[in-house]
Amino acid sequence: MKTDQLVQLLARDTTLRQSPGRSLLAALLPAGFVTATGFALLVGVRPDLPAALRSPWFDLKVLLNAALWLAATGLLLRLARPGASLRGWWPALCAVPIVLVLAIGVELLRVPPDQWWTLAQGSNSTWCLRVIPALAGAPLLAALLALRNSAPAHPARTGAMAGLMSAGLAATLYALHCPDDSPLFVGLWYVLAAAIVTAAGALLGARWLRW
């Protein structure tokens, strides 16, 4: 039997006890609770949150990370089902970096060049690189364990998307704490933190989701 035929049979198989979506939901709810609890107890929201909500850069930072989280979750659900179409979610995911690049361009035009690195470096870049991967750990492991029986056609790609989804959730929470709202900071340190988690997901997915 050819691989393509096997993938189509798995896609039509109705003997699975749970759909990938239900398995993911059952795993991610407690993992999300662990992440949110860890954030509340160990990190917490920034003390000037009411004032920050009136800042367009802060609002954009939170919205972009939330959009990344939702779009990556949608794509992960599609990748978990062999033969499922990926249409619809790719444009949503691609819109996130496009909007971020546009925001960076606006800031570069508004801020003198001698301040660019100061804004990009921010005040807690190393903390960002530690907290986002740490918060992403529980949902990433939960997603990979939940998807082990879903037979994804592309294990490494599915694992990478699980990492991106987890990084999006962690970054959305961390954005409520982070005092650095500059798109330059987000484009450097948030992206680097998300890349670390995504790479970890790809490596783990290639091993754990292989069939």
N, C-alpha and C. Protein backbone atom coordinates (compact mmCIF):
# COMPACT_ATOMS: atom_id res chain seq x y z
N MET A 1 0.85 -1.21 0.00
CA MET A 1 0.00 0.00 0.00
C MET A 1 0.88 1.24 0.00
N LYS A 2 0.56 2.20 -0.86
CA LYS A 2 1.32 3.43 -0.93
C LYS A 2 1.05 4.32 0.28
N THR A 3 2.01 5.16 0.58
CA THR A 3 1.87 6.06 1.74
C THR A 3 0.65 6.95 1.60
N ASP A 4 0.42 7.49 0.40
CA ASP A 4 -0.73 8.38 0.21
C ASP A 4 -2.04 7.66 0.48
N GLN A 5 -2.13 6.40 0.06
CA GLN A 5 -3.35 5.64 0.31
C GLN A 5 -3.54 5.39 1.81
N LEU A 6 -2.43 5.10 2.50
CA LEU A 6 -2.52 4.87 3.94
C LEU A 6 -2.98 6.13 4.66
N VAL A 7 -2.46 7.29 4.25
CA VAL A 7 -2.86 8.56 4.85
C VAL A 7 -4.35 8.79 4.66
N GLN A 8 -4.87 8.50 3.45
CA GLN A 8 -6.29 8.70 3.20
C GLN A 8 -7.15 7.76 4.03
N LEU A 9 -6.68 6.51 4.21
CA LEU A 9 -7.42 5.58 5.05
C LEU A 9 -7.46 6.03 6.49
N LEU A 10 -6.33 6.55 6.98
CA LEU A 10 -6.30 7.05 8.35
C LEU A 10 -7.21 8.26 8.50
N ALA A 11 -7.30 9.08 7.48
CA ALA A 11 -8.15 10.27 7.55
C ALA A 11 -9.62 9.88 7.62
N ARG A 12 -9.99 8.74 6.98
CA ARG A 12 -11.40 8.31 6.98
C ARG A 12 -11.71 7.36 8.13
N ASP A 13 -10.69 7.00 8.89
CA ASP A 13 -10.88 6.03 9.96
C ASP A 13 -11.77 6.60 11.05
N THR A 14 -12.85 5.92 11.37
CA THR A 14 -13.78 6.38 12.40
C THR A 14 -13.67 5.57 13.68
N THR A 15 -12.62 4.74 13.77
CA THR A 15 -12.51 3.90 14.96
C THR A 15 -11.71 4.56 16.06
N LEU A 16 -11.14 5.73 15.78
CA LEU A 16 -10.39 6.41 16.83
C LEU A 16 -11.32 6.79 17.96
N ARG A 17 -10.89 6.61 19.17
CA ARG A 17 -11.73 6.89 20.32
C ARG A 17 -12.01 8.36 20.48
N GLN A 18 -11.05 9.21 20.13
CA GLN A 18 -11.22 10.64 20.24
C GLN A 18 -10.63 11.32 19.02
N SER A 19 -11.29 12.38 18.57
CA SER A 19 -10.72 13.16 17.49
C SER A 19 -9.50 13.90 18.01
N PRO A 20 -8.59 14.29 17.10
CA PRO A 20 -7.42 15.06 17.56
C PRO A 20 -7.80 16.33 18.29
N GLY A 21 -8.89 16.98 17.84
CA GLY A 21 -9.32 18.21 18.50
C GLY A 21 -9.72 17.97 19.94
N ARG A 22 -10.48 16.92 20.18
CA ARG A 22 -10.90 16.62 21.55
C ARG A 22 -9.73 16.19 22.42
N SER A 23 -8.83 15.42 21.82
CA SER A 23 -7.65 15.00 22.58
C SER A 23 -6.79 16.20 22.97
N LEU A 24 -6.63 17.12 22.02
CA LEU A 24 -5.87 18.31 22.31
C LEU A 24 -6.53 19.15 23.38
N LEU A 25 -7.84 19.33 23.26
CA LEU A 25 -8.55 20.14 24.24
C LEU A 25 -8.43 19.52 25.63
N ALA A 26 -8.61 18.20 25.72
CA ALA A 26 -8.52 17.53 27.01
C ALA A 26 -7.14 17.67 27.63
N ALA A 27 -6.11 17.72 26.79
CA ALA A 27 -4.74 17.84 27.30
C ALA A 27 -4.37 19.28 27.59
N LEU A 28 -4.84 20.21 26.74
CA LEU A 28 -4.40 21.60 26.86
C LEU A 28 -5.11 22.36 27.97
N LEU A 29 -6.31 21.96 28.33
CA LEU A 29 -7.01 22.67 29.41
C LEU A 29 -6.23 22.60 30.72
N PRO A 30 -5.87 21.40 31.20
CA PRO A 30 -5.08 21.37 32.44
C PRO A 30 -3.68 21.97 32.25
N ALA A 31 -3.07 21.77 31.07
CA ALA A 31 -1.75 22.35 30.84
C ALA A 31 -1.82 23.88 30.83
N GLY A 32 -2.89 24.42 30.22
CA GLY A 32 -3.07 25.87 30.23
C GLY A 32 -3.29 26.40 31.63
N PHE A 33 -4.00 25.62 32.44
CA PHE A 33 -4.22 26.03 33.84
C PHE A 33 -2.89 26.06 34.60
N VAL A 34 -2.04 25.06 34.35
CA VAL A 34 -0.72 25.04 34.99
C VAL A 34 0.10 26.25 34.56
N THR A 35 0.07 26.56 33.27
CA THR A 35 0.83 27.71 32.76
C THR A 35 0.31 29.01 33.35
N ALA A 36 -1.02 29.18 33.35
CA ALA A 36 -1.61 30.41 33.89
C ALA A 36 -1.33 30.55 35.38
N THR A 37 -1.38 29.43 36.11
CA THR A 37 -1.09 29.48 37.54
C THR A 37 0.36 29.83 37.80
N GLY A 38 1.27 29.21 37.03
CA GLY A 38 2.67 29.54 37.17
C GLY A 38 2.96 31.01 36.86
N PHE A 39 2.28 31.52 35.84
CA PHE A 39 2.45 32.93 35.50
C PHE A 39 1.95 33.82 36.63
N ALA A 40 0.78 33.51 37.17
CA ALA A 40 0.20 34.34 38.22
C ALA A 40 1.05 34.31 39.49
N LEU A 41 1.60 33.15 39.83
CA LEU A 41 2.34 33.02 41.08
C LEU A 41 3.79 33.50 40.97
N LEU A 42 4.41 33.27 39.82
CA LEU A 42 5.85 33.52 39.70
C LEU A 42 6.19 34.76 38.88
N VAL A 43 5.28 35.21 38.04
CA VAL A 43 5.58 36.35 37.17
C VAL A 43 4.64 37.51 37.47
N GLY A 44 3.36 37.35 37.18
CA GLY A 44 2.37 38.37 37.49
C GLY A 44 2.30 39.47 36.44
N VAL A 45 1.22 40.22 36.48
CA VAL A 45 1.02 41.30 35.52
C VAL A 45 1.80 42.53 35.96
N ARG A 46 2.07 43.40 35.03
CA ARG A 46 2.82 44.61 35.33
C ARG A 46 1.99 45.54 36.21
N PRO A 47 2.61 46.26 37.12
CA PRO A 47 1.86 47.09 38.07
C PRO A 47 1.10 48.24 37.42
N ASP A 48 1.54 48.68 36.24
CA ASP A 48 0.87 49.80 35.58
C ASP A 48 -0.07 49.32 34.46
N LEU A 49 -0.63 48.12 34.62
CA LEU A 49 -1.47 47.54 33.57
C LEU A 49 -2.63 48.44 33.14
N PRO A 50 -3.37 49.07 34.07
CA PRO A 50 -4.46 49.95 33.61
C PRO A 50 -3.98 51.06 32.68
N ALA A 51 -2.84 51.66 32.99
CA ALA A 51 -2.30 52.70 32.12
C ALA A 51 -1.77 52.11 30.82
N ALA A 52 -1.17 50.92 30.89
CA ALA A 52 -0.62 50.29 29.70
C ALA A 52 -1.71 49.95 28.69
N LEU A 53 -2.91 49.65 29.17
CA LEU A 53 -4.01 49.31 28.27
C LEU A 53 -4.39 50.47 27.35
N ARG A 54 -3.97 51.67 27.72
CA ARG A 54 -4.25 52.83 26.87
C ARG A 54 -3.12 53.10 25.87
N SER A 55 -2.10 52.25 25.87
CA SER A 55 -0.98 52.39 24.94
C SER A 55 -1.22 51.52 23.70
N PRO A 56 -1.18 52.09 22.50
CA PRO A 56 -1.41 51.27 21.30
C PRO A 56 -0.34 50.21 21.10
N TRP A 57 0.92 50.49 21.48
CA TRP A 57 1.97 49.48 21.32
C TRP A 57 1.74 48.31 22.26
N PHE A 58 1.29 48.56 23.48
CA PHE A 58 0.99 47.46 24.40
C PHE A 58 -0.16 46.62 23.86
N ASP A 59 -1.23 47.28 23.43
CA ASP A 59 -2.39 46.55 22.89
C ASP A 59 -1.99 45.72 21.69
N LEU A 60 -1.17 46.29 20.81
CA LEU A 60 -0.73 45.55 19.63
C LEU A 60 0.11 44.35 20.02
N LYS A 61 0.98 44.52 21.01
CA LYS A 61 1.83 43.42 21.48
C LYS A 61 0.98 42.24 21.96
N VAL A 62 -0.02 42.51 22.76
CA VAL A 62 -0.88 41.45 23.28
C VAL A 62 -1.70 40.82 22.16
N LEU A 63 -2.27 41.65 21.29
CA LEU A 63 -3.12 41.13 20.21
C LEU A 63 -2.32 40.28 19.23
N LEU A 64 -1.11 40.68 18.89
CA LEU A 64 -0.30 39.90 17.96
C LEU A 64 0.04 38.53 18.54
N ASN A 65 0.40 38.49 19.81
CA ASN A 65 0.72 37.20 20.42
C ASN A 65 -0.52 36.32 20.54
N ALA A 66 -1.66 36.91 20.86
CA ALA A 66 -2.90 36.14 20.92
C ALA A 66 -3.28 35.62 19.54
N ALA A 67 -3.10 36.44 18.50
CA ALA A 67 -3.39 35.99 17.14
C ALA A 67 -2.47 34.85 16.72
N LEU A 68 -1.20 34.95 17.10
CA LEU A 68 -0.25 33.86 16.83
C LEU A 68 -0.70 32.57 17.50
N TRP A 69 -1.11 32.67 18.73
CA TRP A 69 -1.58 31.51 19.49
C TRP A 69 -2.78 30.86 18.80
N LEU A 70 -3.78 31.65 18.43
CA LEU A 70 -4.99 31.10 17.83
C LEU A 70 -4.73 30.52 16.45
N ALA A 71 -3.95 31.23 15.62
CA ALA A 71 -3.68 30.73 14.28
C ALA A 71 -2.86 29.45 14.32
N ALA A 72 -1.86 29.40 15.20
CA ALA A 72 -1.05 28.19 15.32
C ALA A 72 -1.88 27.02 15.85
N THR A 73 -2.82 27.29 16.74
CA THR A 73 -3.70 26.23 17.23
C THR A 73 -4.56 25.68 16.10
N GLY A 74 -5.12 26.57 15.27
CA GLY A 74 -5.92 26.12 14.14
C GLY A 74 -5.11 25.26 13.18
N LEU A 75 -3.89 25.68 12.88
CA LEU A 75 -3.04 24.90 11.98
C LEU A 75 -2.63 23.58 12.62
N LEU A 76 -2.39 23.58 13.91
CA LEU A 76 -2.02 22.34 14.60
C LEU A 76 -3.13 21.31 14.50
N LEU A 77 -4.37 21.75 14.66
CA LEU A 77 -5.50 20.84 14.55
C LEU A 77 -5.60 20.24 13.15
N ARG A 78 -5.30 21.05 12.14
CA ARG A 78 -5.33 20.54 10.77
C ARG A 78 -4.18 19.56 10.51
N LEU A 79 -2.98 19.89 10.99
CA LEU A 79 -1.84 19.02 10.78
C LEU A 79 -2.00 17.68 11.49
N ALA A 80 -2.77 17.67 12.57
CA ALA A 80 -2.96 16.44 13.33
C ALA A 80 -3.82 15.43 12.58
N ARG A 81 -4.58 15.89 11.60
CA ARG A 81 -5.46 15.00 10.85
C ARG A 81 -4.86 14.74 9.48
N PRO A 82 -4.46 13.50 9.17
CA PRO A 82 -3.87 13.20 7.87
C PRO A 82 -4.81 13.60 6.73
N GLY A 83 -4.27 14.32 5.76
CA GLY A 83 -5.05 14.69 4.60
C GLY A 83 -5.90 15.93 4.77
N ALA A 84 -5.93 16.54 5.95
CA ALA A 84 -6.77 17.72 6.17
C ALA A 84 -6.18 18.93 5.46
N SER A 85 -7.05 19.79 4.95
CA SER A 85 -6.60 21.00 4.26
C SER A 85 -6.11 22.04 5.25
N LEU A 86 -5.06 22.74 4.86
CA LEU A 86 -4.51 23.79 5.71
C LEU A 86 -5.00 25.17 5.32
N ARG A 87 -5.91 25.25 4.37
CA ARG A 87 -6.40 26.54 3.92
C ARG A 87 -7.16 27.26 5.03
N GLY A 88 -7.04 28.55 5.01
CA GLY A 88 -7.78 29.35 5.98
C GLY A 88 -6.93 29.84 7.13
N TRP A 89 -6.08 28.95 7.66
CA TRP A 89 -5.28 29.34 8.81
C TRP A 89 -3.93 29.90 8.43
N TRP A 90 -3.39 29.51 7.26
CA TRP A 90 -2.09 30.04 6.86
C TRP A 90 -2.11 31.55 6.69
N PRO A 91 -3.12 32.13 6.02
CA PRO A 91 -3.15 33.60 5.93
C PRO A 91 -3.21 34.28 7.29
N ALA A 92 -3.96 33.68 8.23
CA ALA A 92 -4.04 34.26 9.57
C ALA A 92 -2.69 34.24 10.26
N LEU A 93 -1.96 33.13 10.09
CA LEU A 93 -0.64 33.04 10.72
C LEU A 93 0.34 34.00 10.06
N CYS A 94 0.30 34.09 8.73
CA CYS A 94 1.23 34.98 8.02
C CYS A 94 0.96 36.45 8.31
N ALA A 95 -0.29 36.76 8.67
CA ALA A 95 -0.63 38.16 8.96
C ALA A 95 0.10 38.67 10.20
N VAL A 96 0.43 37.77 11.12
CA VAL A 96 1.08 38.20 12.37
C VAL A 96 2.45 38.82 12.11
N PRO A 97 3.38 38.13 11.42
CA PRO A 97 4.68 38.78 11.17
C PRO A 97 4.57 39.99 10.24
N ILE A 98 3.60 39.98 9.33
CA ILE A 98 3.43 41.12 8.43
C ILE A 98 3.06 42.37 9.24
N VAL A 99 2.10 42.23 10.14
CA VAL A 99 1.70 43.38 10.97
C VAL A 99 2.85 43.82 11.86
N LEU A 100 3.60 42.85 12.40
CA LEU A 100 4.73 43.20 13.25
C LEU A 100 5.78 43.99 12.47
N VAL A 101 6.09 43.55 11.26
CA VAL A 101 7.07 44.27 10.44
C VAL A 101 6.59 45.68 10.13
N LEU A 102 5.30 45.83 9.84
CA LEU A 102 4.76 47.16 9.58
C LEU A 102 4.88 48.05 10.82
N ALA A 103 4.60 47.48 11.99
CA ALA A 103 4.73 48.25 13.24
C ALA A 103 6.18 48.66 13.48
N ILE A 104 7.11 47.76 13.20
CA ILE A 104 8.53 48.09 13.35
C ILE A 104 8.90 49.23 12.40
N GLY A 105 8.39 49.17 11.18
CA GLY A 105 8.67 50.23 10.23
C GLY A 105 8.15 51.58 10.70
N VAL A 106 6.95 51.59 11.26
CA VAL A 106 6.39 52.84 11.80
C VAL A 106 7.26 53.38 12.92
N GLU A 107 7.71 52.48 13.81
CA GLU A 107 8.53 52.94 14.93
C GLU A 107 9.88 53.46 14.45
N LEU A 108 10.46 52.81 13.47
CA LEU A 108 11.74 53.28 12.94
C LEU A 108 11.62 54.67 12.33
N LEU A 109 10.46 54.96 11.75
CA LEU A 109 10.25 56.28 11.16
C LEU A 109 10.02 57.35 12.23
N ARG A 110 9.49 56.95 13.36
CA ARG A 110 9.13 57.91 14.40
C ARG A 110 10.24 58.15 15.41
N VAL A 111 11.17 57.21 15.52
CA VAL A 111 12.19 57.28 16.57
C VAL A 111 13.55 57.57 15.94
N PRO A 112 14.36 58.44 16.54
CA PRO A 112 15.71 58.71 16.02
C PRO A 112 16.56 57.45 16.00
N PRO A 113 17.43 57.30 15.00
CA PRO A 113 18.24 56.09 14.89
C PRO A 113 19.08 55.77 16.12
N ASP A 114 19.51 56.79 16.85
CA ASP A 114 20.36 56.52 18.01
C ASP A 114 19.58 55.88 19.16
N GLN A 115 18.25 55.78 19.04
CA GLN A 115 17.44 55.14 20.07
C GLN A 115 16.96 53.75 19.66
N TRP A 116 17.26 53.34 18.44
CA TRP A 116 16.74 52.06 17.96
C TRP A 116 17.23 50.88 18.82
N TRP A 117 18.52 50.81 19.08
CA TRP A 117 19.04 49.68 19.84
C TRP A 117 18.57 49.72 21.29
N THR A 118 18.43 50.90 21.84
CA THR A 118 17.94 51.02 23.21
C THR A 118 16.54 50.42 23.32
N LEU A 119 15.68 50.74 22.36
CA LEU A 119 14.32 50.19 22.36
C LEU A 119 14.33 48.69 22.10
N ALA A 120 15.20 48.26 21.18
CA ALA A 120 15.24 46.83 20.85
C ALA A 120 15.78 46.00 22.01
N GLN A 121 16.75 46.54 22.73
CA GLN A 121 17.33 45.81 23.87
C GLN A 121 16.38 45.77 25.05
N GLY A 122 15.64 46.86 25.27
CA GLY A 122 14.68 46.89 26.36
C GLY A 122 15.33 46.79 27.72
N SER A 123 14.52 46.42 28.70
CA SER A 123 15.00 46.36 30.07
C SER A 123 15.05 44.95 30.63
N ASN A 124 14.48 43.98 29.92
CA ASN A 124 14.45 42.61 30.49
C ASN A 124 14.50 41.55 29.38
N SER A 125 15.42 41.71 28.46
CA SER A 125 15.50 40.79 27.32
C SER A 125 15.82 39.36 27.76
N THR A 126 16.78 39.20 28.68
CA THR A 126 17.13 37.84 29.12
C THR A 126 15.99 37.19 29.90
N TRP A 127 15.25 37.99 30.65
CA TRP A 127 14.09 37.47 31.37
C TRP A 127 13.04 36.97 30.39
N CYS A 128 12.84 37.70 29.30
CA CYS A 128 11.91 37.30 28.25
C CYS A 128 12.30 35.95 27.67
N LEU A 129 13.59 35.77 27.41
CA LEU A 129 14.07 34.52 26.81
C LEU A 129 13.94 33.34 27.76
N ARG A 130 13.89 33.60 29.04
CA ARG A 130 13.73 32.51 30.01
C ARG A 130 12.26 32.21 30.29
N VAL A 131 11.46 33.25 30.45
CA VAL A 131 10.09 33.04 30.91
C VAL A 131 9.20 32.44 29.82
N ILE A 132 9.29 32.93 28.60
CA ILE A 132 8.40 32.42 27.55
C ILE A 132 8.63 30.92 27.31
N PRO A 133 9.86 30.43 27.11
CA PRO A 133 10.03 28.98 26.97
C PRO A 133 9.58 28.20 28.20
N ALA A 134 9.82 28.76 29.40
CA ALA A 134 9.41 28.05 30.62
C ALA A 134 7.88 27.92 30.68
N LEU A 135 7.17 28.99 30.37
CA LEU A 135 5.71 28.95 30.39
C LEU A 135 5.15 28.06 29.28
N ALA A 136 5.90 27.93 28.19
CA ALA A 136 5.43 27.13 27.06
C ALA A 136 5.64 25.64 27.26
N GLY A 137 6.42 25.26 28.25
CA GLY A 137 6.76 23.86 28.43
C GLY A 137 5.57 22.94 28.63
N ALA A 138 4.67 23.30 29.55
CA ALA A 138 3.54 22.43 29.86
C ALA A 138 2.61 22.25 28.66
N PRO A 139 2.15 23.31 27.98
CA PRO A 139 1.28 23.09 26.82
C PRO A 139 1.97 22.36 25.67
N LEU A 140 3.27 22.58 25.48
CA LEU A 140 3.97 21.87 24.41
C LEU A 140 3.99 20.37 24.68
N LEU A 141 4.39 19.98 25.88
CA LEU A 141 4.42 18.55 26.21
C LEU A 141 3.03 17.93 26.17
N ALA A 142 2.02 18.66 26.65
CA ALA A 142 0.65 18.15 26.63
C ALA A 142 0.17 17.95 25.20
N ALA A 143 0.47 18.90 24.32
CA ALA A 143 0.04 18.78 22.93
C ALA A 143 0.70 17.60 22.24
N LEU A 144 1.99 17.43 22.45
CA LEU A 144 2.69 16.32 21.81
C LEU A 144 2.20 14.97 22.31
N LEU A 145 1.96 14.87 23.60
CA LEU A 145 1.44 13.60 24.15
C LEU A 145 0.04 13.31 23.62
N ALA A 146 -0.78 14.36 23.49
CA ALA A 146 -2.14 14.16 23.00
C ALA A 146 -2.17 13.75 21.54
N LEU A 147 -1.16 14.16 20.77
CA LEU A 147 -1.16 13.90 19.34
C LEU A 147 -0.42 12.63 18.95
N ARG A 148 0.08 11.90 19.91
CA ARG A 148 0.86 10.70 19.59
C ARG A 148 0.03 9.65 18.87
N ASN A 149 -1.28 9.63 19.11
CA ASN A 149 -2.14 8.63 18.48
C ASN A 149 -2.91 9.19 17.28
N SER A 150 -2.59 10.39 16.84
CA SER A 150 -3.34 11.00 15.74
C SER A 150 -2.70 10.76 14.38
N ALA A 151 -1.52 10.18 14.35
CA ALA A 151 -0.81 9.83 13.11
C ALA A 151 -0.66 11.01 12.16
N PRO A 152 -0.02 12.10 12.59
CA PRO A 152 0.19 13.22 11.67
C PRO A 152 1.12 12.81 10.53
N ALA A 153 0.84 13.33 9.35
CA ALA A 153 1.64 12.97 8.18
C ALA A 153 3.04 13.58 8.24
N HIS A 154 3.19 14.68 8.96
CA HIS A 154 4.48 15.37 9.04
C HIS A 154 4.82 15.60 10.52
N PRO A 155 5.45 14.62 11.16
CA PRO A 155 5.69 14.73 12.62
C PRO A 155 6.48 15.95 13.03
N ALA A 156 7.58 16.25 12.33
CA ALA A 156 8.40 17.40 12.72
C ALA A 156 7.64 18.70 12.54
N ARG A 157 6.92 18.83 11.42
CA ARG A 157 6.14 20.05 11.17
C ARG A 157 5.02 20.20 12.20
N THR A 158 4.39 19.10 12.54
CA THR A 158 3.33 19.15 13.54
C THR A 158 3.91 19.53 14.91
N GLY A 159 5.06 18.96 15.25
CA GLY A 159 5.71 19.31 16.50
C GLY A 159 6.11 20.78 16.53
N ALA A 160 6.60 21.28 15.40
CA ALA A 160 6.96 22.70 15.33
C ALA A 160 5.75 23.59 15.54
N MET A 161 4.61 23.20 14.96
CA MET A 161 3.40 24.00 15.14
C MET A 161 2.90 23.92 16.58
N ALA A 162 3.07 22.76 17.22
CA ALA A 162 2.74 22.66 18.63
C ALA A 162 3.61 23.60 19.46
N GLY A 163 4.89 23.70 19.08
CA GLY A 163 5.78 24.63 19.76
C GLY A 163 5.38 26.07 19.54
N LEU A 164 4.99 26.41 18.31
CA LEU A 164 4.58 27.77 18.01
C LEU A 164 3.30 28.13 18.75
N MET A 165 2.36 27.18 18.81
CA MET A 165 1.13 27.40 19.56
C MET A 165 1.42 27.64 21.04
N SER A 166 2.31 26.82 21.60
CA SER A 166 2.66 26.96 23.02
C SER A 166 3.38 28.28 23.27
N ALA A 167 4.26 28.65 22.35
CA ALA A 167 4.97 29.93 22.49
C ALA A 167 3.99 31.09 22.40
N GLY A 168 2.99 30.98 21.53
CA GLY A 168 2.00 32.05 21.43
C GLY A 168 1.21 32.22 22.71
N LEU A 169 0.83 31.11 23.33
CA LEU A 169 0.12 31.18 24.61
C LEU A 169 1.00 31.79 25.68
N ALA A 170 2.24 31.31 25.78
CA ALA A 170 3.16 31.81 26.80
C ALA A 170 3.47 33.29 26.58
N ALA A 171 3.66 33.68 25.33
CA ALA A 171 3.99 35.08 25.03
C ALA A 171 2.80 36.00 25.29
N THR A 172 1.59 35.51 25.08
CA THR A 172 0.41 36.32 25.38
C THR A 172 0.33 36.63 26.87
N LEU A 173 0.59 35.62 27.68
CA LEU A 173 0.60 35.85 29.13
C LEU A 173 1.77 36.76 29.53
N TYR A 174 2.94 36.47 28.98
CA TYR A 174 4.11 37.26 29.36
C TYR A 174 3.97 38.72 28.93
N ALA A 175 3.26 38.97 27.84
CA ALA A 175 3.06 40.34 27.37
C ALA A 175 2.33 41.18 28.41
N LEU A 176 1.53 40.54 29.27
CA LEU A 176 0.84 41.27 30.32
C LEU A 176 1.78 41.70 31.45
N HIS A 177 2.95 41.09 31.49
CA HIS A 177 3.96 41.41 32.50
C HIS A 177 5.04 42.33 31.95
N CYS A 178 5.42 42.12 30.72
CA CYS A 178 6.59 42.76 30.14
C CYS A 178 6.42 44.28 30.05
N PRO A 179 7.37 45.06 30.57
CA PRO A 179 7.29 46.52 30.50
C PRO A 179 7.76 47.09 29.17
N ASP A 180 8.32 46.25 28.29
CA ASP A 180 8.84 46.70 27.01
C ASP A 180 7.79 46.48 25.93
N ASP A 181 7.21 47.57 25.45
CA ASP A 181 6.13 47.50 24.47
C ASP A 181 6.59 47.80 23.05
N SER A 182 7.83 48.17 22.87
CA SER A 182 8.33 48.54 21.56
C SER A 182 8.23 47.39 20.56
N PRO A 183 7.72 47.63 19.35
CA PRO A 183 7.74 46.59 18.32
C PRO A 183 9.14 46.07 18.02
N LEU A 184 10.16 46.92 18.19
CA LEU A 184 11.53 46.46 18.00
C LEU A 184 11.89 45.39 19.02
N PHE A 185 11.48 45.59 20.27
CA PHE A 185 11.75 44.60 21.31
C PHE A 185 10.99 43.31 21.01
N VAL A 186 9.71 43.44 20.65
CA VAL A 186 8.90 42.26 20.35
C VAL A 186 9.48 41.51 19.15
N GLY A 187 9.88 42.25 18.12
CA GLY A 187 10.40 41.62 16.92
C GLY A 187 11.72 40.91 17.13
N LEU A 188 12.45 41.28 18.16
CA LEU A 188 13.73 40.62 18.44
C LEU A 188 13.59 39.52 19.47
N TRP A 189 13.14 39.86 20.68
CA TRP A 189 13.20 38.91 21.79
C TRP A 189 12.00 37.97 21.84
N TYR A 190 10.81 38.45 21.56
CA TYR A 190 9.66 37.55 21.51
C TYR A 190 9.82 36.54 20.38
N VAL A 191 10.28 37.04 19.23
CA VAL A 191 10.47 36.13 18.09
C VAL A 191 11.54 35.10 18.39
N LEU A 192 12.63 35.53 19.02
CA LEU A 192 13.69 34.59 19.37
C LEU A 192 13.20 33.54 20.36
N ALA A 193 12.44 33.97 21.36
CA ALA A 193 11.89 33.01 22.34
C ALA A 193 10.95 32.03 21.66
N ALA A 194 10.09 32.53 20.75
CA ALA A 194 9.17 31.64 20.04
C ALA A 194 9.92 30.67 19.15
N ALA A 195 11.03 31.13 18.54
CA ALA A 195 11.83 30.25 17.69
C ALA A 195 12.45 29.12 18.50
N ILE A 196 12.87 29.41 19.72
CA ILE A 196 13.44 28.37 20.58
C ILE A 196 12.41 27.28 20.87
N VAL A 197 11.20 27.69 21.23
CA VAL A 197 10.15 26.73 21.56
C VAL A 197 9.72 25.96 20.31
N THR A 198 9.64 26.65 19.18
CA THR A 198 9.24 26.00 17.93
C THR A 198 10.27 24.95 17.52
N ALA A 199 11.55 25.28 17.66
CA ALA A 199 12.60 24.32 17.33
C ALA A 199 12.55 23.11 18.25
N ALA A 200 12.30 23.34 19.53
CA ALA A 200 12.17 22.23 20.48
C ALA A 200 10.98 21.34 20.10
N GLY A 201 9.87 21.97 19.70
CA GLY A 201 8.71 21.20 19.28
C GLY A 201 9.00 20.36 18.05
N ALA A 202 9.75 20.92 17.09
CA ALA A 202 10.08 20.17 15.88
C ALA A 202 10.95 18.96 16.21
N LEU A 203 11.93 19.14 17.08
CA LEU A 203 12.82 18.04 17.44
C LEU A 203 12.06 16.94 18.19
N LEU A 204 11.21 17.36 19.14
CA LEU A 204 10.45 16.36 19.90
C LEU A 204 9.40 15.70 19.02
N GLY A 205 8.76 16.49 18.16
CA GLY A 205 7.74 15.92 17.28
C GLY A 205 8.31 14.91 16.31
N ALA A 206 9.50 15.16 15.81
CA ALA A 206 10.13 14.22 14.89
C ALA A 206 10.35 12.86 15.54
N ARG A 207 10.54 12.83 16.87
CA ARG A 207 10.77 11.58 17.58
C ARG A 207 9.46 10.98 18.11
N TRP A 208 8.63 11.79 18.73
CA TRP A 208 7.46 11.28 19.43
C TRP A 208 6.26 11.03 18.50
N LEU A 209 6.15 11.79 17.42
CA LEU A 209 4.97 11.68 16.57
C LEU A 209 5.21 10.83 15.33
N ARG A 210 6.37 10.22 15.24
CA ARG A 210 6.70 9.40 14.08
C ARG A 210 5.91 8.09 14.12
N TRP A 211 5.44 7.66 12.96
CA TRP A 211 4.67 6.40 12.90
C TRP A 211 5.05 5.60 11.66
